[in-house]
Amino acid sequence: MHCAVVGAGAWGTALADLLARNGHDVRLWAYEADVAEMINSRHENSRFLGGQKLASSLVADNDLLRALAGAEFVAIATPSQVTRAIVKQARSALIGDAPVVIASKGIERGSLSLMTDVASEELPDATVVALSGPSFAAEVASCQPTAVVAASASPDAAELAQRALSSPYFRVYTHTDVIGVELGGALKNVMAVATGIAEGLGLGFNARAALITRGLAEMTRLGVALGAEPGTFAGLAGLGDLVLTCTGSLSRNRAVGVELGKGKSLEEALAGRETVAEGVVTAQSARDLAAREGVDMPIVDTVNRVLFEGQPARSAIAALMTRELRAEVDA
């Protein structure tokens, strides 16, 4: 197929490279002109995905509408808070029946919409697919075994994405629970900030395991309140992505948390980073969404207090540990 990938950060570049290696004709839209030039001339994206040689057939373009022209398959991999603006700009170039795969992970500030909802609102005629799961871009680009989920209300669209992206090292499962798959991908970033904070404080594996497990409970509670299937959070887009992002050394969100735990301010923790730590952006939206739904999310609340309200990391973790005693399972 003729494919277009929108967003040449680490994840967008890895997906474009994957599609190109699968034999598709791929154009990758890069916001940064130097990134497009580098991909075309040197077949690498050292700015966002250093150390990876990209498929020689992959073509990058700095012009969004030109990159999208004639695309039969489109993947969006932009930072969550600019996704609406970019999708709106792309609308005129999209073929009506071309499936749109949303690979961005987050909750839009203000509207509290998931990324597939944002795309559906701006592209009412498009069939939207959510792509999520445990997948560090650098490992995908280096052909390390990876398994993810493509979820859509349209089984045909999910299966098309499955066929387009699957390879001997990249396995795609289909799913119908779009809300659960997307919410898992967004919320795990907030939980990774929390586990990073604990690590930065010098806390042990016990604390990390507790945060991951209770974080999964929070994610499931909010998901069920929004209509997701609880079982989705035990799968690749829930537990799988949560464990990877909370423990993996390549996790940007965990790394930011580590710096906060060591006593740095948010500004200091983010200084000099080219890539976006979506957990920082999503933390506020997740807290607002939980408040709207009447769902208790103490870890999300704690991350927000450390990030935006100046609470010292050590006292924030202590407050989590001394909350009112309760049963593990909700009645």
Protein backbone atom coordinates (compact mmCIF):
# COMPACT_ATOMS: atom_id res chain seq x y z
CA MET A 1 0.00 0.00 0.00
CA HIS A 2 0.88 3.65 -0.24
CA CYS A 3 1.25 4.65 3.42
CA ALA A 4 1.78 7.92 5.27
CA VAL A 5 3.05 8.33 8.81
CA VAL A 6 2.47 11.70 10.45
CA GLY A 7 5.09 12.62 13.04
CA ALA A 8 8.82 11.85 12.81
CA GLY A 9 9.57 11.50 16.49
CA ALA A 10 11.02 8.21 17.71
CA TRP A 11 7.75 6.25 17.52
CA GLY A 12 6.58 7.66 14.19
CA THR A 13 9.98 7.01 12.63
CA ALA A 14 10.02 3.42 13.93
CA LEU A 15 6.52 2.76 12.53
CA ALA A 16 7.41 4.28 9.15
CA ASP A 17 10.57 2.17 9.01
CA LEU A 18 8.55 -0.95 9.92
CA LEU A 19 6.02 -0.29 7.15
CA ALA A 20 8.80 0.34 4.63
CA ARG A 21 10.59 -2.89 5.60
CA ASN A 22 7.25 -4.67 5.13
CA GLY A 23 7.33 -3.62 1.48
CA HIS A 24 4.95 -0.66 1.56
CA ASP A 25 5.53 2.67 -0.17
CA VAL A 26 5.93 5.02 2.81
CA ARG A 27 6.15 8.77 3.27
CA LEU A 28 6.95 10.14 6.73
CA TRP A 29 5.94 13.70 7.58
CA ALA A 30 8.51 15.50 9.71
CA TYR A 31 7.71 18.83 11.33
CA GLU A 32 11.44 19.59 11.47
CA ALA A 33 12.99 20.23 8.05
CA ASP A 34 16.40 19.01 9.20
CA VAL A 35 14.90 15.67 10.26
CA ALA A 36 13.31 15.16 6.83
CA GLU A 37 16.59 16.01 5.11
CA MET A 38 18.56 13.67 7.38
CA ILE A 39 16.22 10.73 6.74
CA ASN A 40 16.34 11.25 2.97
CA SER A 41 20.09 11.82 2.68
CA ARG A 42 21.51 9.56 5.42
CA HIS A 43 18.62 7.15 6.17
CA GLU A 44 18.69 7.96 9.86
CA ASN A 45 16.95 10.19 12.40
CA SER A 46 19.73 10.91 14.87
CA ARG A 47 17.70 13.69 16.48
CA PHE A 48 14.90 11.43 17.75
CA LEU A 49 15.99 7.84 17.06
CA GLY A 50 19.76 7.84 17.17
CA GLY A 51 21.82 4.82 16.25
CA GLN A 52 19.23 3.24 13.95
CA LYS A 53 19.70 2.79 10.21
CA LEU A 54 16.36 3.24 8.44
CA ALA A 55 15.00 1.50 5.35
CA SER A 56 16.49 3.05 2.22
CA SER A 57 13.04 3.15 0.59
CA LEU A 58 11.57 5.38 3.33
CA VAL A 59 10.94 8.94 2.14
CA ALA A 60 10.47 11.88 4.52
CA ASP A 61 8.69 15.13 3.68
CA ASN A 62 8.39 18.43 5.51
CA ASP A 63 5.09 19.22 3.73
CA LEU A 64 2.14 17.55 5.48
CA LEU A 65 -0.37 17.57 2.63
CA ARG A 66 2.22 16.34 0.14
CA ALA A 67 3.20 13.49 2.48
CA LEU A 68 -0.45 12.45 2.79
CA ALA A 69 -1.39 12.72 -0.88
CA GLY A 70 -2.85 9.44 -2.14
CA ALA A 71 -2.21 7.53 1.09
CA GLU A 72 -4.28 4.36 1.46
CA PHE A 73 -3.13 3.82 5.06
CA VAL A 74 -2.35 6.62 7.52
CA ALA A 75 -0.71 6.46 10.96
CA ILE A 76 -0.67 9.45 13.32
CA ALA A 77 2.20 9.53 15.82
CA THR A 78 2.29 13.14 16.99
CA PRO A 79 2.43 14.42 20.60
CA SER A 80 -1.08 14.17 22.04
CA GLN A 81 -1.58 17.88 22.67
CA VAL A 82 -0.98 18.84 19.01
CA THR A 83 -2.82 15.89 17.46
CA ARG A 84 -6.11 17.74 16.93
CA ALA A 85 -4.48 20.67 15.13
CA ILE A 86 -2.47 18.38 12.86
CA VAL A 87 -5.39 16.07 12.05
CA LYS A 88 -7.51 19.11 11.24
CA GLN A 89 -4.80 20.37 8.90
CA ALA A 90 -4.49 16.95 7.29
CA ARG A 91 -8.21 16.53 6.63
CA SER A 92 -8.23 17.86 3.07
CA ALA A 93 -5.53 15.44 1.91
CA LEU A 94 -6.99 12.22 3.33
CA ILE A 95 -8.77 9.69 1.17
CA GLY A 96 -12.25 9.11 2.61
CA ASP A 97 -11.99 5.36 3.21
CA ALA A 98 -8.33 5.23 4.23
CA PRO A 99 -8.04 3.84 7.78
CA VAL A 100 -6.40 6.22 10.24
CA VAL A 101 -4.26 4.50 12.87
CA ILE A 102 -3.75 6.55 16.01
CA ALA A 103 -0.37 5.72 17.55
CA SER A 104 -0.33 8.79 19.83
CA LYS A 105 -0.92 8.11 23.53
CA GLY A 106 -2.60 10.67 25.74
CA ILE A 107 -5.71 12.50 26.94
CA GLU A 108 -6.39 15.89 25.38
CA ARG A 109 -6.25 18.74 27.86
CA GLY A 110 -9.54 20.59 28.27
CA SER A 111 -11.81 18.27 26.30
CA LEU A 112 -10.45 15.16 28.12
CA SER A 113 -10.87 13.26 24.85
CA LEU A 114 -8.88 10.17 23.93
CA MET A 115 -6.87 10.45 20.73
CA THR A 116 -9.23 8.27 18.70
CA ASP A 117 -12.11 10.55 19.76
CA VAL A 118 -10.11 13.58 18.63
CA ALA A 119 -9.50 11.96 15.25
CA SER A 120 -13.13 10.88 14.86
CA GLU A 121 -14.36 14.38 15.65
CA GLU A 122 -12.06 15.96 13.07
CA LEU A 123 -12.39 13.16 10.48
CA PRO A 124 -16.03 12.04 10.76
CA ASP A 125 -15.84 9.89 7.62
CA ALA A 126 -12.66 8.05 8.57
CA THR A 127 -12.36 4.62 10.18
CA VAL A 128 -10.11 5.02 13.21
CA VAL A 129 -7.85 2.39 14.79
CA ALA A 130 -5.97 2.70 18.11
CA LEU A 131 -2.48 1.19 18.18
CA SER A 132 -0.95 0.58 21.60
CA GLY A 133 1.13 -1.87 23.60
CA PRO A 134 4.61 -2.36 25.08
CA SER A 135 6.87 -0.98 22.36
CA PHE A 136 10.01 1.10 22.79
CA ALA A 137 10.69 2.71 19.43
CA ALA A 138 14.41 1.92 19.48
CA GLU A 139 13.74 -1.79 19.93
CA VAL A 140 11.17 -1.83 17.12
CA ALA A 141 13.63 -0.06 14.83
CA SER A 142 16.33 -2.62 15.71
CA CYS A 143 13.90 -5.47 14.88
CA GLN A 144 13.54 -6.76 18.44
CA PRO A 145 10.45 -8.96 19.02
CA THR A 146 7.45 -6.80 19.94
CA ALA A 147 3.71 -7.40 20.37
CA VAL A 148 1.03 -4.69 20.28
CA VAL A 149 -2.73 -4.29 19.86
CA ALA A 150 -4.78 -2.65 17.08
CA ALA A 151 -8.28 -1.80 18.33
CA SER A 152 -11.22 -0.52 16.34
CA ALA A 153 -15.00 -0.60 16.21
CA SER A 154 -14.45 -1.90 12.68
CA PRO A 155 -12.96 -5.43 12.66
CA ASP A 156 -11.96 -4.94 9.02
CA ALA A 157 -9.95 -1.80 9.83
CA ALA A 158 -8.22 -3.47 12.79
CA GLU A 159 -7.33 -6.46 10.61
CA LEU A 160 -6.01 -4.21 7.84
CA ALA A 161 -3.72 -2.49 10.36
CA GLN A 162 -2.71 -5.92 11.65
CA ARG A 163 -1.71 -7.10 8.17
CA ALA A 164 0.07 -3.88 7.24
CA LEU A 165 2.21 -3.70 10.38
CA SER A 166 2.85 -7.35 11.25
CA SER A 167 6.26 -8.80 10.50
CA PRO A 168 8.43 -11.67 11.78
CA TYR A 169 9.47 -9.44 14.70
CA PHE A 170 6.39 -7.21 15.14
CA ARG A 171 3.19 -9.05 16.09
CA VAL A 172 -0.15 -7.23 16.07
CA TYR A 173 -3.24 -8.54 17.85
CA THR A 174 -6.70 -7.13 17.12
CA HIS A 175 -9.19 -5.89 19.71
CA THR A 176 -12.60 -4.22 19.82
CA ASP A 177 -12.17 -2.33 23.13
CA VAL A 178 -10.87 0.97 21.80
CA ILE A 179 -11.39 2.84 25.09
CA GLY A 180 -9.50 0.27 27.15
CA VAL A 181 -6.61 -0.02 24.71
CA GLU A 182 -6.21 3.73 24.41
CA LEU A 183 -6.67 4.54 28.08
CA GLY A 184 -4.09 1.93 29.05
CA GLY A 185 -1.57 3.54 26.71
CA ALA A 186 -2.21 7.00 28.13
CA LEU A 187 -2.35 6.26 31.86
CA LYS A 188 0.69 3.98 32.04
CA ASN A 189 2.85 7.04 31.35
CA VAL A 190 1.59 8.72 34.53
CA MET A 191 2.29 5.56 36.53
CA ALA A 192 5.81 5.43 35.08
CA VAL A 193 6.48 8.92 36.44
CA ALA A 194 5.40 7.62 39.86
CA THR A 195 7.69 4.58 39.75
CA GLY A 196 10.53 6.79 38.56
CA ILE A 197 10.00 9.09 41.54
CA ALA A 198 10.21 6.08 43.88
CA GLU A 199 13.41 4.94 42.17
CA GLY A 200 14.91 8.42 42.40
CA LEU A 201 14.19 8.41 46.13
CA GLY A 202 16.17 5.19 46.46
CA LEU A 203 13.17 3.03 47.27
CA GLY A 204 13.33 -0.66 46.46
CA PHE A 205 11.63 -3.19 44.25
CA ASN A 206 8.83 -3.66 46.80
CA ALA A 207 7.73 -0.05 46.31
CA ARG A 208 7.93 -0.36 42.54
CA ALA A 209 5.83 -3.52 42.52
CA ALA A 210 3.24 -1.89 44.77
CA LEU A 211 3.00 1.19 42.54
CA ILE A 212 2.66 -0.90 39.37
CA THR A 213 -0.03 -3.11 40.86
CA ARG A 214 -2.05 -0.34 42.46
CA GLY A 215 -1.54 1.76 39.34
CA LEU A 216 -3.13 -1.00 37.30
CA ALA A 217 -6.09 -1.00 39.69
CA GLU A 218 -6.51 2.77 39.18
CA MET A 219 -6.31 2.43 35.40
CA THR A 220 -8.91 -0.34 35.43
CA ARG A 221 -11.29 1.62 37.67
CA LEU A 222 -11.26 4.63 35.37
CA GLY A 223 -11.50 2.46 32.27
CA VAL A 224 -14.55 0.60 33.53
CA ALA A 225 -16.20 3.91 34.46
CA LEU A 226 -15.71 5.04 30.84
CA GLY A 227 -17.11 1.82 29.38
CA ALA A 228 -13.93 -0.23 28.84
CA GLU A 229 -13.70 -3.96 29.46
CA PRO A 230 -11.76 -4.73 32.66
CA GLY A 231 -9.95 -7.63 30.98
CA THR A 232 -8.28 -5.27 28.50
CA PHE A 233 -6.11 -3.91 31.29
CA ALA A 234 -4.65 -7.37 31.90
CA GLY A 235 -3.44 -7.46 28.29
CA LEU A 236 -0.69 -5.93 26.18
CA ALA A 237 -2.12 -2.40 26.14
CA GLY A 238 -2.65 -2.44 29.91
CA LEU A 239 -0.34 -4.55 32.06
CA GLY A 240 2.15 -5.14 29.26
CA ASP A 241 2.72 -1.47 28.48
CA LEU A 242 2.56 -0.54 32.17
CA VAL A 243 5.34 -2.95 33.17
CA LEU A 244 7.55 -1.91 30.25
CA THR A 245 7.20 1.82 30.86
CA CYS A 246 7.58 1.57 34.64
CA THR A 247 10.69 -0.62 34.56
CA GLY A 248 12.45 -0.15 31.22
CA SER A 249 15.60 1.94 31.03
CA LEU A 250 14.40 3.48 27.73
CA SER A 251 11.27 4.97 29.34
CA ARG A 252 11.23 8.77 29.09
CA ASN A 253 8.46 9.06 31.67
CA ARG A 254 10.28 6.90 34.20
CA ALA A 255 13.47 8.93 33.61
CA VAL A 256 11.67 12.20 34.37
CA GLY A 257 10.30 10.67 37.56
CA VAL A 258 13.78 9.57 38.62
CA GLU A 259 15.04 13.15 38.34
CA LEU A 260 12.07 14.43 40.35
CA GLY A 261 12.77 11.82 43.02
CA LYS A 262 16.34 13.05 43.23
CA GLY A 263 15.05 16.51 44.07
CA LYS A 264 15.05 18.31 40.72
CA SER A 265 12.21 20.61 39.73
CA LEU A 266 10.01 19.70 36.77
CA GLU A 267 11.74 22.35 34.66
CA GLU A 268 15.15 20.89 35.53
CA ALA A 269 13.96 17.33 34.86
CA LEU A 270 12.68 18.29 31.40
CA ALA A 271 15.59 20.55 30.44
CA GLY A 272 17.45 19.50 27.32
CA ARG A 273 15.03 16.73 26.34
CA GLU A 274 14.12 16.64 22.64
CA THR A 275 11.42 14.02 23.15
CA VAL A 276 8.08 14.47 24.90
CA ALA A 277 7.37 12.78 28.25
CA GLU A 278 3.63 12.28 27.72
CA GLY A 279 3.05 11.34 31.38
CA VAL A 280 3.69 14.92 32.44
CA VAL A 281 1.07 16.26 30.04
CA THR A 282 -1.38 13.43 30.70
CA ALA A 283 -1.20 13.65 34.51
CA GLN A 284 -3.45 16.71 34.72
CA SER A 285 -5.93 15.42 32.15
CA ALA A 286 -6.09 12.06 33.93
CA ARG A 287 -6.84 13.73 37.26
CA ASP A 288 -9.55 15.89 35.67
CA LEU A 289 -11.08 12.87 33.92
CA ALA A 290 -11.09 10.87 37.16
CA ALA A 291 -12.75 13.76 38.99
CA ARG A 292 -15.40 14.02 36.28
CA GLU A 293 -16.16 10.30 36.58
CA GLY A 294 -15.96 10.21 40.40
CA VAL A 295 -13.09 7.70 40.34
CA ASP A 296 -10.47 7.59 43.10
CA MET A 297 -6.91 7.69 41.63
CA PRO A 298 -4.48 8.41 44.50
CA ILE A 299 -1.31 7.70 42.47
CA VAL A 300 -2.41 10.08 39.74
CA ASP A 301 -3.21 12.70 42.41
CA THR A 302 0.22 12.20 43.98
CA VAL A 303 2.04 12.62 40.66
CA ASN A 304 0.15 15.87 40.05
CA ARG A 305 1.10 17.23 43.47
CA VAL A 306 4.78 16.54 42.83
CA LEU A 307 4.72 17.83 39.26
CA PHE A 308 2.62 20.96 39.65
CA GLU A 309 1.99 21.77 43.30
CA GLY A 310 5.47 21.67 44.75
CA GLN A 311 5.00 18.75 47.13
CA PRO A 312 8.37 17.10 47.91
CA ALA A 313 8.59 13.64 46.39
CA ARG A 314 9.42 11.88 49.67
CA SER A 315 6.43 13.28 51.55
CA ALA A 316 4.17 12.50 48.57
CA ILE A 317 5.14 8.82 48.62
CA ALA A 318 4.78 8.76 52.42
CA ALA A 319 1.26 10.15 52.08
CA LEU A 320 0.36 7.30 49.71
CA MET A 321 1.58 4.74 52.22
CA THR A 322 -0.39 6.22 55.10
CA ARG A 323 -3.75 6.59 53.38
CA GLU A 324 -6.78 5.11 55.13
CA LEU A 325 -6.56 1.32 55.30
CA ARG A 326 -8.98 -0.54 53.02
CA ALA A 327 -9.65 -3.83 51.22
CA GLU A 328 -7.57 -4.51 48.14
CA VAL A 329 -10.55 -5.31 45.92
CA ASP A 330 -13.34 -2.79 45.46
CA ALA A 331 -16.70 -3.97 46.79
